[in-house]
Amino acid sequence: MTHTRNNADDSCLINQTVPAGIPASPSEHLDEKTHHLKPDPSADPDSGKDRDDENQSGPSRPVEDPDVGFTSSSDGYDSEEEDDFPEGGLQAWLVVLGSFCAMVSLYGIINLAGVFEWYFSTNQLAEYDSSTIGWIFSTYLFIVFFFGIQVGPLFDRYGPRALVAVGSLLVVASQLLLGFCEEYYQIILTYSVLGGLGGACLNVPSYGVIAHFFKRRRGLATGLASTAGSIGGIVFPVYLQAVLPRLGFAWSTRIIGFVLLFLSAVANLLMRSRLPPSKHPVRVLPDWALFRDLKFSLSCAGVWFMEWGLFTPLTYVVSYAAAHGQAATDAYILLTILSATSFVGRFLPGYLADRWGRFNVIVLTNLLCVASVLGLWLPAGSSRAMLLAFAAVFGFASGSNLGLYPVCVGQLCGARDYGRYFSTAMMVGSFGTLTSLPIAGALLGVGSTPEQGWTALILFSALSYAIAMSCFLGARVLAVSWRVKEVY
């Protein structure tokens, strides 16, 4: 196929450019997305001969882009024509803005996990150990991702409107009610269950509507929308640091709820679908047939281990700083720096992924996560400078995680089936989120000294990222072998 710098995922046979002199392949008569009548091959008496010639010629070879220095992959499953995606324009970018607002309500709250974990462990839940408190946040993340298995097919069939409306109401109610909670079970029901169900209704549509408007520039568009988590991770911790001593926990979280109410209203106005509904039936259980594709199975495993590696530092870096003599203000600064650099890490790797390949870039950013955890966090101790350096580097490297894996999954399917594939991958990843923080909290208790527990927790994060990187690399090798310059 002919390669341009933006068609890293345009790799199925339907979308390939056929060499000059060879007629279009029969696949053009099977395009289910257009509603126009297709030419009848029987009208051309030479069509049979032409098809025989095409079969003998084989598929066109990848063509190297002299500007980028990479070749495009001939592997993939997208069946949409490139020209059918707007790739920009007012309506498309307004959809991205709506997704951004919805993601603040989800990933902005996820990035507050470190602050909430510290506050709960020193106030309402001071008598509980770290592993027990960790179940609050892991249950929240599990519900967000696991229940996407029902949300995905609903989005493909009916669009985002009802899902986003219900999700908005639930996440706002969760924050408004959290201030009344004093007991462990109350926090679980309000924060984890109510907020998690709302996040599940928002998560798949936030990514899915972007896939309806972008294909070649999907990495950039998704990365820009996912900067919402970074914005929330910068604004919300600084806000809580300023108002918690004056307003208390209850009114501080209620004000966050009112902010989410405004953002949810914008999301409901702007988010919409574009492609015709999927013909696949709505399922309650996962579509296990998807796992027959080994590339998809490896990608799902990569998401699982990436969740293990990601949420451990996000949740425990504040407690680590406090345990090593850092002031409370320094702990908040860590989260702010992490979120600020993750802002760049969300859209820049997405832009590069559209040019160099989505799987190529996610392998590199996972490698950088391993290096930052082992090279900066592990030896940091009480060094303020190394902790700040870790927050900056890890924030950039991990920022790509939430923006790249959705477009990697989208590279393995068509846009109208994106919700089904993405929600299935999230269902697998949900078991990673469910177990990551309890495992990390349990590891804090190993050894005879607290420092040995922190070492075990940090090594757990690094090993998880290393396995995730290997899974994504395996999916890439299955698709394009070991060719370094191949865009995939």
Protein backbone atom coordinates (compact mmCIF):
# COMPACT_ATOMS: atom_id res chain seq x y z
CA MET A 1 0.00 0.00 0.00
CA THR A 2 1.05 3.53 -0.45
CA HIS A 3 2.18 5.05 2.80
CA THR A 4 1.58 8.50 4.11
CA ARG A 5 2.78 9.73 7.43
CA ASN A 6 -0.70 9.55 8.97
CA ASN A 7 -1.97 6.12 7.89
CA ALA A 8 -0.30 3.88 10.40
CA ASP A 9 -3.49 1.90 10.93
CA ASP A 10 -4.75 1.90 7.37
CA SER A 11 -3.59 -1.58 6.77
CA CYS A 12 -6.38 -3.94 5.75
CA LEU A 13 -6.75 -5.22 2.20
CA ILE A 14 -9.85 -3.11 1.60
CA ASN A 15 -7.96 0.09 2.27
CA GLN A 16 -4.77 -0.76 0.38
CA THR A 17 -3.87 1.14 -2.75
CA VAL A 18 -3.74 -1.22 -5.72
CA PRO A 19 -0.79 -0.86 -8.10
CA ALA A 20 -1.42 0.87 -11.40
CA GLY A 21 -2.84 -1.35 -14.13
CA ILE A 22 -4.62 -3.72 -11.77
CA PRO A 23 -8.37 -3.31 -11.30
CA ALA A 24 -9.97 -2.93 -7.90
CA SER A 25 -10.23 -6.11 -5.88
CA PRO A 26 -13.59 -7.79 -5.27
CA SER A 27 -13.53 -6.47 -1.71
CA GLU A 28 -14.86 -3.15 -2.99
CA HIS A 29 -18.18 -4.88 -3.67
CA LEU A 30 -18.38 -5.92 -0.03
CA ASP A 31 -18.07 -2.49 1.57
CA GLU A 32 -20.88 -2.59 4.13
CA LYS A 33 -20.41 1.03 5.18
CA THR A 34 -21.47 2.83 2.02
CA HIS A 35 -25.04 2.81 0.83
CA HIS A 36 -24.30 3.29 -2.85
CA LEU A 37 -24.78 0.54 -5.40
CA LYS A 38 -21.55 -1.26 -6.26
CA PRO A 39 -20.54 -2.01 -9.84
CA ASP A 40 -21.66 -5.41 -10.99
CA PRO A 41 -18.58 -7.46 -11.81
CA SER A 42 -20.60 -9.53 -14.26
CA ALA A 43 -21.06 -6.43 -16.46
CA ASP A 44 -17.44 -6.61 -17.52
CA PRO A 45 -16.66 -9.79 -19.47
CA ASP A 46 -12.98 -9.40 -18.69
CA SER A 47 -13.47 -8.98 -14.95
CA GLY A 48 -12.86 -12.66 -14.24
CA LYS A 49 -9.60 -12.56 -16.10
CA ASP A 50 -8.60 -9.36 -14.34
CA ARG A 51 -9.26 -10.92 -10.96
CA ASP A 52 -7.16 -13.89 -11.89
CA ASP A 53 -4.35 -11.55 -12.87
CA GLU A 54 -4.69 -9.75 -9.55
CA ASN A 55 -4.56 -12.97 -7.58
CA GLN A 56 -1.37 -13.90 -9.40
CA SER A 57 0.14 -10.49 -8.77
CA GLY A 58 -0.44 -10.59 -5.00
CA PRO A 59 -0.94 -7.63 -2.72
CA SER A 60 0.97 -4.45 -3.27
CA ARG A 61 4.22 -4.06 -1.35
CA PRO A 62 4.75 -1.42 1.31
CA VAL A 63 6.30 1.76 -0.02
CA GLU A 64 8.81 3.62 2.08
CA ASP A 65 8.14 7.24 2.97
CA PRO A 66 11.34 9.13 2.22
CA ASP A 67 10.44 11.86 4.72
CA VAL A 68 9.71 9.62 7.68
CA GLY A 69 11.96 6.67 6.89
CA PHE A 70 9.38 4.03 7.84
CA THR A 71 7.22 1.65 5.86
CA SER A 72 3.59 1.05 6.57
CA SER A 73 2.18 -2.22 7.77
CA SER A 74 -0.05 -4.41 5.60
CA ASP A 75 -1.72 -5.93 8.62
CA GLY A 76 -4.95 -4.73 10.25
CA TYR A 77 -8.71 -4.91 10.16
CA ASP A 78 -10.12 -1.44 9.53
CA SER A 79 -12.66 -1.52 6.70
CA GLU A 80 -13.49 2.18 6.47
CA GLU A 81 -12.31 4.28 3.58
CA GLU A 82 -9.85 7.01 4.54
CA ASP A 83 -11.88 9.73 2.81
CA ASP A 84 -14.98 8.93 4.85
CA PHE A 85 -13.43 10.30 8.07
CA PRO A 86 -13.57 14.08 8.52
CA GLU A 87 -10.13 14.13 10.25
CA GLY A 88 -10.99 17.63 11.50
CA GLY A 89 -13.45 20.45 11.05
CA LEU A 90 -15.59 22.26 13.60
CA GLN A 91 -17.93 19.40 14.43
CA ALA A 92 -15.12 16.87 14.83
CA TRP A 93 -13.11 19.10 17.17
CA LEU A 94 -16.22 19.96 19.19
CA VAL A 95 -16.67 16.22 19.71
CA VAL A 96 -13.08 16.08 21.00
CA LEU A 97 -13.90 18.96 23.37
CA GLY A 98 -16.96 17.08 24.62
CA SER A 99 -14.84 13.98 25.21
CA PHE A 100 -12.33 16.13 27.09
CA CYS A 101 -15.07 17.39 29.44
CA ALA A 102 -16.33 13.86 30.06
CA MET A 103 -12.81 12.58 30.74
CA VAL A 104 -12.22 15.25 33.40
CA SER A 105 -15.15 13.72 35.29
CA LEU A 106 -13.47 10.32 35.10
CA TYR A 107 -9.68 10.57 34.84
CA GLY A 108 -9.45 13.83 36.75
CA ILE A 109 -10.99 11.98 39.71
CA ILE A 110 -8.73 8.97 39.14
CA ASN A 111 -5.71 11.26 39.43
CA LEU A 112 -7.03 12.40 42.83
CA ALA A 113 -6.60 8.86 44.19
CA GLY A 114 -3.29 9.79 45.84
CA VAL A 115 -4.85 12.71 47.70
CA PHE A 116 -7.91 10.73 48.76
CA GLU A 117 -5.77 7.79 49.88
CA TRP A 118 -3.66 10.09 52.06
CA TYR A 119 -6.72 11.86 53.52
CA PHE A 120 -8.69 8.69 54.26
CA SER A 121 -5.67 6.99 55.86
CA THR A 122 -5.13 9.93 58.23
CA ASN A 123 -8.78 10.73 59.02
CA GLN A 124 -11.90 8.58 58.57
CA LEU A 125 -10.01 5.32 57.97
CA ALA A 126 -6.95 5.83 60.17
CA GLU A 127 -7.46 2.43 61.83
CA TYR A 128 -7.38 0.54 58.50
CA ASP A 129 -4.19 -0.74 56.85
CA SER A 130 -2.95 0.33 53.40
CA SER A 131 -4.12 -2.83 51.65
CA THR A 132 -7.70 -2.43 52.92
CA ILE A 133 -7.83 1.23 51.92
CA GLY A 134 -6.41 0.28 48.52
CA TRP A 135 -9.54 -1.76 47.83
CA ILE A 136 -11.55 1.49 47.67
CA PHE A 137 -9.64 2.73 44.64
CA SER A 138 -9.08 -0.63 42.97
CA THR A 139 -12.82 -1.40 43.22
CA TYR A 140 -13.60 1.98 41.64
CA LEU A 141 -11.25 1.30 38.74
CA PHE A 142 -12.48 -2.27 38.35
CA ILE A 143 -16.10 -1.13 38.01
CA VAL A 144 -15.14 1.63 35.55
CA PHE A 145 -13.39 -0.81 33.24
CA PHE A 146 -15.24 -4.09 33.81
CA PHE A 147 -18.76 -2.76 33.23
CA GLY A 148 -17.57 -1.26 29.98
CA ILE A 149 -18.19 -4.73 28.53
CA GLN A 150 -21.90 -3.89 28.52
CA VAL A 151 -21.42 -0.19 27.70
CA GLY A 152 -19.33 -0.84 24.57
CA PRO A 153 -21.96 -2.74 22.56
CA LEU A 154 -24.64 -0.28 23.72
CA PHE A 155 -22.54 2.57 22.37
CA ASP A 156 -21.99 0.79 19.03
CA ARG A 157 -25.72 0.17 18.66
CA TYR A 158 -27.37 3.28 20.16
CA GLY A 159 -24.71 5.99 20.32
CA PRO A 160 -23.44 8.04 23.28
CA ARG A 161 -26.40 10.22 24.32
CA ALA A 162 -28.14 8.14 27.00
CA LEU A 163 -24.89 6.64 28.29
CA VAL A 164 -23.22 10.03 28.79
CA ALA A 165 -26.33 11.46 30.49
CA VAL A 166 -26.57 8.59 32.99
CA GLY A 167 -22.82 8.57 33.62
CA SER A 168 -22.79 12.32 34.25
CA LEU A 169 -25.53 12.08 36.86
CA LEU A 170 -23.78 9.26 38.70
CA VAL A 171 -20.30 10.85 38.88
CA VAL A 172 -21.74 14.17 40.06
CA ALA A 173 -23.86 12.43 42.72
CA SER A 174 -20.79 10.49 43.89
CA GLN A 175 -18.83 13.66 44.64
CA LEU A 176 -21.78 15.44 46.23
CA LEU A 177 -22.43 12.53 48.60
CA LEU A 178 -18.81 11.66 49.44
CA GLY A 179 -18.60 14.41 52.07
CA PHE A 180 -21.27 12.66 54.17
CA CYS A 181 -19.29 9.40 54.37
CA GLU A 182 -17.58 8.45 57.63
CA GLU A 183 -17.50 4.65 57.50
CA TYR A 184 -15.54 2.33 55.21
CA TYR A 185 -18.64 0.77 53.61
CA GLN A 186 -20.12 4.22 52.93
CA ILE A 187 -17.01 5.29 51.04
CA ILE A 188 -17.04 2.03 49.06
CA LEU A 189 -20.68 2.49 48.03
CA THR A 190 -20.41 6.20 47.23
CA TYR A 191 -16.94 6.57 45.74
CA SER A 192 -16.26 3.10 44.34
CA VAL A 193 -19.68 1.77 43.26
CA LEU A 194 -21.66 4.91 42.40
CA GLY A 195 -18.70 6.77 40.92
CA GLY A 196 -17.42 3.64 39.19
CA LEU A 197 -20.72 2.95 37.42
CA GLY A 198 -20.84 6.57 36.26
CA GLY A 199 -17.27 6.36 35.00
CA ALA A 200 -18.09 3.14 33.11
CA CYS A 201 -20.89 4.94 31.25
CA LEU A 202 -18.52 7.78 30.30
CA ASN A 203 -15.33 5.89 29.47
CA VAL A 204 -16.17 4.00 26.27
CA PRO A 205 -18.23 6.82 24.64
CA SER A 206 -15.44 9.33 25.36
CA TYR A 207 -13.02 7.33 23.23
CA GLY A 208 -15.59 5.89 20.83
CA VAL A 209 -16.95 9.17 19.47
CA ILE A 210 -13.41 10.23 18.53
CA ALA A 211 -12.99 7.00 16.55
CA HIS A 212 -16.08 7.99 14.52
CA PHE A 213 -14.50 11.25 13.33
CA PHE A 214 -10.77 10.47 13.12
CA LYS A 215 -8.70 7.67 11.70
CA ARG A 216 -5.37 8.93 10.37
CA ARG A 217 -5.18 11.54 13.14
CA ARG A 218 -6.84 9.41 15.81
CA GLY A 219 -3.74 9.28 17.99
CA LEU A 220 -3.49 13.07 18.12
CA ALA A 221 -7.23 13.60 18.71
CA THR A 222 -7.38 10.95 21.44
CA GLY A 223 -4.24 12.33 23.06
CA LEU A 224 -5.68 15.84 23.17
CA ALA A 225 -8.92 14.60 24.76
CA SER A 226 -7.05 12.50 27.32
CA THR A 227 -5.15 15.56 28.56
CA ALA A 228 -8.30 16.00 30.66
CA GLY A 229 -6.81 13.66 33.23
CA SER A 230 -3.72 15.81 33.46
CA ILE A 231 -5.71 19.03 33.77
CA GLY A 232 -7.79 17.48 36.54
CA GLY A 233 -4.65 16.10 38.16
CA ILE A 234 -3.15 19.61 38.25
CA VAL A 235 -6.19 21.65 39.25
CA PHE A 236 -7.94 19.36 41.74
CA PRO A 237 -4.94 18.60 44.06
CA VAL A 238 -3.95 22.28 44.18
CA TYR A 239 -7.56 23.19 44.89
CA LEU A 240 -7.85 20.64 47.70
CA GLN A 241 -4.58 21.77 49.23
CA ALA A 242 -5.93 25.32 49.39
CA VAL A 243 -9.49 24.67 50.60
CA LEU A 244 -9.34 21.55 52.78
CA PRO A 245 -8.03 23.42 55.86
CA ARG A 246 -10.69 26.12 55.51
CA LEU A 247 -13.79 24.38 54.14
CA GLY A 248 -13.25 20.82 55.31
CA PHE A 249 -13.54 17.62 53.30
CA ALA A 250 -17.32 17.67 52.78
CA TRP A 251 -17.67 21.04 51.09
CA SER A 252 -14.38 20.62 49.22
CA THR A 253 -15.71 17.52 47.45
CA ARG A 254 -19.14 19.07 46.88
CA ILE A 255 -17.57 21.97 45.00
CA ILE A 256 -15.76 19.42 42.83
CA GLY A 257 -19.17 17.87 42.20
CA PHE A 258 -20.58 21.20 40.98
CA VAL A 259 -17.58 21.65 38.66
CA LEU A 260 -18.23 18.18 37.23
CA LEU A 261 -21.89 19.09 36.77
CA PHE A 262 -20.93 21.98 34.50
CA LEU A 263 -18.43 19.88 32.53
CA SER A 264 -20.97 17.09 32.16
CA ALA A 265 -23.51 19.50 30.68
CA VAL A 266 -20.96 20.53 28.02
CA ALA A 267 -20.15 16.89 27.29
CA ASN A 268 -23.81 16.02 26.81
CA LEU A 269 -24.24 18.87 24.34
CA LEU A 270 -21.16 18.11 22.20
CA MET A 271 -20.63 14.34 22.14
CA ARG A 272 -22.28 12.53 19.24
CA SER A 273 -21.73 9.57 16.94
CA ARG A 274 -21.41 9.72 13.15
CA LEU A 275 -21.26 6.20 11.69
CA PRO A 276 -24.28 3.91 11.22
CA PRO A 277 -25.05 1.57 14.14
CA SER A 278 -23.15 -1.68 14.42
CA LYS A 279 -25.01 -4.82 13.36
CA HIS A 280 -23.53 -6.91 16.15
CA PRO A 281 -26.02 -7.87 18.86
CA VAL A 282 -25.78 -6.26 22.28
CA ARG A 283 -24.15 -8.79 24.61
CA VAL A 284 -24.13 -9.07 28.37
CA LEU A 285 -21.09 -11.35 28.31
CA PRO A 286 -17.80 -10.68 26.48
CA ASP A 287 -17.39 -11.72 22.86
CA TRP A 288 -14.81 -14.43 23.42
CA ALA A 289 -14.29 -14.84 19.68
CA LEU A 290 -12.24 -11.64 19.69
CA PHE A 291 -9.46 -13.44 21.56
CA ARG A 292 -8.83 -15.69 18.56
CA ASP A 293 -6.72 -12.82 17.28
CA LEU A 294 -3.45 -13.28 19.14
CA LYS A 295 -2.49 -9.64 18.58
CA PHE A 296 -5.66 -8.55 20.37
CA SER A 297 -5.07 -11.05 23.19
CA LEU A 298 -1.52 -9.79 23.72
CA SER A 299 -2.75 -6.19 23.67
CA CYS A 300 -5.32 -7.03 26.35
CA ALA A 301 -2.62 -8.65 28.48
CA GLY A 302 -0.50 -5.52 27.98
CA VAL A 303 -3.36 -3.38 29.29
CA TRP A 304 -3.68 -5.64 32.37
CA PHE A 305 -0.01 -5.31 33.35
CA MET A 306 0.11 -1.64 32.41
CA GLU A 307 -2.69 -1.00 34.92
CA TRP A 308 -0.60 -2.76 37.57
CA GLY A 309 2.37 -0.56 36.78
CA LEU A 310 0.49 2.73 36.37
CA PHE A 311 -1.82 3.04 39.36
CA THR A 312 0.73 1.95 41.97
CA PRO A 313 2.90 5.10 41.63
CA LEU A 314 -0.12 7.36 41.09
CA THR A 315 -1.69 6.20 44.34
CA TYR A 316 1.33 5.72 46.60
CA VAL A 317 3.81 8.42 45.57
CA VAL A 318 2.23 10.91 48.02
CA SER A 319 2.40 8.43 50.91
CA TYR A 320 5.97 7.54 49.91
CA ALA A 321 7.03 11.19 50.05
CA ALA A 322 5.37 11.65 53.46
CA ALA A 323 6.99 8.47 54.81
CA HIS A 324 10.41 9.77 53.76
CA GLY A 325 10.19 13.10 55.51
CA GLN A 326 8.69 15.30 52.81
CA ALA A 327 6.29 18.04 53.89
CA ALA A 328 2.62 17.82 52.96
CA THR A 329 3.01 20.68 50.49
CA ASP A 330 5.83 18.81 48.73
CA ALA A 331 3.56 15.77 48.39
CA TYR A 332 0.95 17.87 46.60
CA ILE A 333 3.68 19.38 44.41
CA LEU A 334 4.65 15.86 43.32
CA LEU A 335 1.15 15.22 42.01
CA THR A 336 1.05 18.59 40.29
CA ILE A 337 4.37 18.00 38.50
CA LEU A 338 3.34 14.47 37.57
CA SER A 339 0.10 15.73 36.07
CA ALA A 340 1.75 18.69 34.31
CA THR A 341 4.31 16.53 32.49
CA SER A 342 1.64 13.93 31.79
CA PHE A 343 -0.24 16.65 29.90
CA VAL A 344 2.60 16.74 27.35
CA GLY A 345 2.91 12.95 27.54
CA ARG A 346 -0.68 12.49 26.43
CA PHE A 347 -0.81 14.46 23.19
CA LEU A 348 2.83 14.42 21.98
CA PRO A 349 3.17 10.60 21.85
CA GLY A 350 -0.26 10.51 20.20
CA TYR A 351 0.95 12.86 17.47
CA LEU A 352 4.13 10.81 17.01
CA ALA A 353 2.14 7.57 17.01
CA ASP A 354 0.17 8.72 13.96
CA ARG A 355 3.50 9.12 12.13
CA TRP A 356 5.67 6.33 13.54
CA GLY A 357 3.09 3.71 14.51
CA ARG A 358 0.89 3.31 17.60
CA PHE A 359 2.43 0.05 18.84
CA ASN A 360 5.95 1.35 18.17
CA VAL A 361 5.40 4.37 20.40
CA ILE A 362 3.62 2.55 23.24
CA VAL A 363 6.54 0.09 23.48
CA LEU A 364 8.98 3.00 23.80
CA THR A 365 6.92 4.84 26.42
CA ASN A 366 6.52 1.66 28.49
CA LEU A 367 10.29 1.24 28.37
CA LEU A 368 10.69 4.81 29.65
CA CYS A 369 8.30 4.02 32.51
CA VAL A 370 10.47 1.08 33.55
CA ALA A 371 13.60 3.23 33.40
CA SER A 372 12.07 6.04 35.49
CA VAL A 373 10.75 3.69 38.20
CA LEU A 374 14.05 1.81 38.54
CA GLY A 375 16.40 4.71 37.89
CA LEU A 376 14.68 7.50 39.85
CA TRP A 377 12.01 6.23 42.26
CA LEU A 378 13.84 3.16 43.57
CA PRO A 379 16.98 5.01 44.75
CA ALA A 380 15.16 8.24 45.69
CA GLY A 381 14.72 7.70 49.43
CA SER A 382 14.44 11.08 51.12
CA SER A 383 15.98 12.97 48.19
CA ARG A 384 13.52 15.69 47.21
CA ALA A 385 15.31 16.33 43.92
CA MET A 386 15.06 12.69 42.79
CA LEU A 387 11.40 12.49 43.74
CA LEU A 388 10.65 15.61 41.72
CA ALA A 389 12.66 14.21 38.78
CA PHE A 390 10.74 10.93 39.01
CA ALA A 391 7.42 12.76 39.03
CA ALA A 392 8.41 14.71 35.92
CA VAL A 393 9.77 11.78 33.89
CA PHE A 394 7.17 9.23 34.96
CA GLY A 395 4.40 11.74 34.39
CA PHE A 396 5.48 12.21 30.78
CA ALA A 397 6.05 8.50 30.11
CA SER A 398 2.88 7.24 31.81
CA GLY A 399 0.78 10.03 30.33
CA SER A 400 0.77 8.19 27.03
CA ASN A 401 -0.72 5.05 28.61
CA LEU A 402 -4.31 6.28 28.68
CA GLY A 403 -4.03 7.91 25.26
CA LEU A 404 -2.23 5.22 23.25
CA TYR A 405 -3.76 1.90 24.21
CA PRO A 406 -7.24 2.91 22.93
CA VAL A 407 -5.81 3.73 19.49
CA CYS A 408 -3.74 0.53 19.55
CA VAL A 409 -6.93 -1.46 20.14
CA GLY A 410 -8.69 0.62 17.47
CA GLN A 411 -6.01 -0.39 14.99
CA LEU A 412 -7.23 -3.98 15.27
CA CYS A 413 -10.88 -3.30 14.36
CA GLY A 414 -13.27 -1.09 12.41
CA ALA A 415 -14.64 2.13 13.90
CA ARG A 416 -18.23 0.84 14.11
CA ASP A 417 -17.05 -2.09 16.25
CA TYR A 418 -14.67 0.01 18.32
CA GLY A 419 -16.86 0.01 21.42
CA ARG A 420 -17.01 -3.80 21.45
CA TYR A 421 -13.24 -4.23 21.09
CA PHE A 422 -12.31 -1.43 23.45
CA SER A 423 -14.72 -2.51 26.18
CA THR A 424 -13.44 -6.09 25.94
CA ALA A 425 -9.86 -4.90 26.39
CA MET A 426 -11.02 -2.78 29.33
CA MET A 427 -12.77 -5.79 30.84
CA VAL A 428 -9.44 -7.64 30.88
CA GLY A 429 -7.64 -4.58 32.24
CA SER A 430 -10.23 -4.21 34.99
CA PHE A 431 -8.82 -7.25 36.77
CA GLY A 432 -5.46 -5.50 36.75
CA THR A 433 -6.93 -2.40 38.34
CA LEU A 434 -8.88 -4.49 40.86
CA THR A 435 -5.78 -6.27 42.14
CA SER A 436 -3.01 -3.69 41.65
CA LEU A 437 -3.51 -1.52 44.74
CA PRO A 438 -4.32 -4.34 47.20
CA ILE A 439 -1.19 -6.17 46.01
CA ALA A 440 0.87 -2.99 46.32
CA GLY A 441 -0.59 -2.30 49.77
CA ALA A 442 0.20 -5.86 50.89
CA LEU A 443 3.77 -5.51 49.60
CA LEU A 444 4.26 -2.53 51.93
CA GLY A 445 4.06 -4.97 54.84
CA VAL A 446 6.79 -7.35 53.65
CA GLY A 447 10.23 -7.39 55.23
CA SER A 448 11.41 -6.36 58.63
CA THR A 449 11.62 -2.63 57.89
CA PRO A 450 9.30 -0.16 56.12
CA GLU A 451 12.00 0.52 53.54
CA GLN A 452 11.93 -3.11 52.37
CA GLY A 453 8.17 -2.80 51.84
CA TRP A 454 8.61 0.30 49.69
CA THR A 455 11.32 -1.45 47.67
CA ALA A 456 8.99 -4.40 46.99
CA LEU A 457 6.19 -2.02 45.90
CA ILE A 458 8.47 -0.12 43.51
CA LEU A 459 9.86 -3.33 41.97
CA PHE A 460 6.29 -4.58 41.49
CA SER A 461 5.49 -1.46 39.43
CA ALA A 462 8.66 -1.76 37.33
CA LEU A 463 8.15 -5.48 36.63
CA SER A 464 4.53 -4.85 35.63
CA TYR A 465 5.57 -2.24 33.08
CA ALA A 466 8.28 -4.55 31.71
CA ILE A 467 5.73 -7.33 31.11
CA ALA A 468 3.29 -4.85 29.53
CA MET A 469 6.01 -3.64 27.17
CA SER A 470 6.76 -7.24 26.18
CA CYS A 471 3.08 -7.89 25.39
CA PHE A 472 2.74 -4.86 23.12
CA LEU A 473 6.05 -5.72 21.47
CA GLY A 474 4.80 -9.27 20.87
CA ALA A 475 1.64 -7.95 19.18
CA ARG A 476 3.77 -5.73 16.94
CA VAL A 477 6.13 -8.59 16.02
CA LEU A 478 3.17 -10.80 15.08
CA ALA A 479 1.92 -8.07 12.76
CA VAL A 480 5.10 -6.87 11.05
CA SER A 481 7.88 -9.16 12.33
CA TRP A 482 11.05 -7.51 13.67
CA ARG A 483 11.34 -4.86 10.97
CA VAL A 484 12.40 -1.82 12.95
CA LYS A 485 11.31 0.77 10.40
CA GLU A 486 7.83 -0.66 9.93
CA VAL A 487 5.02 1.67 10.99
CA TYR A 488 2.59 -0.22 13.20
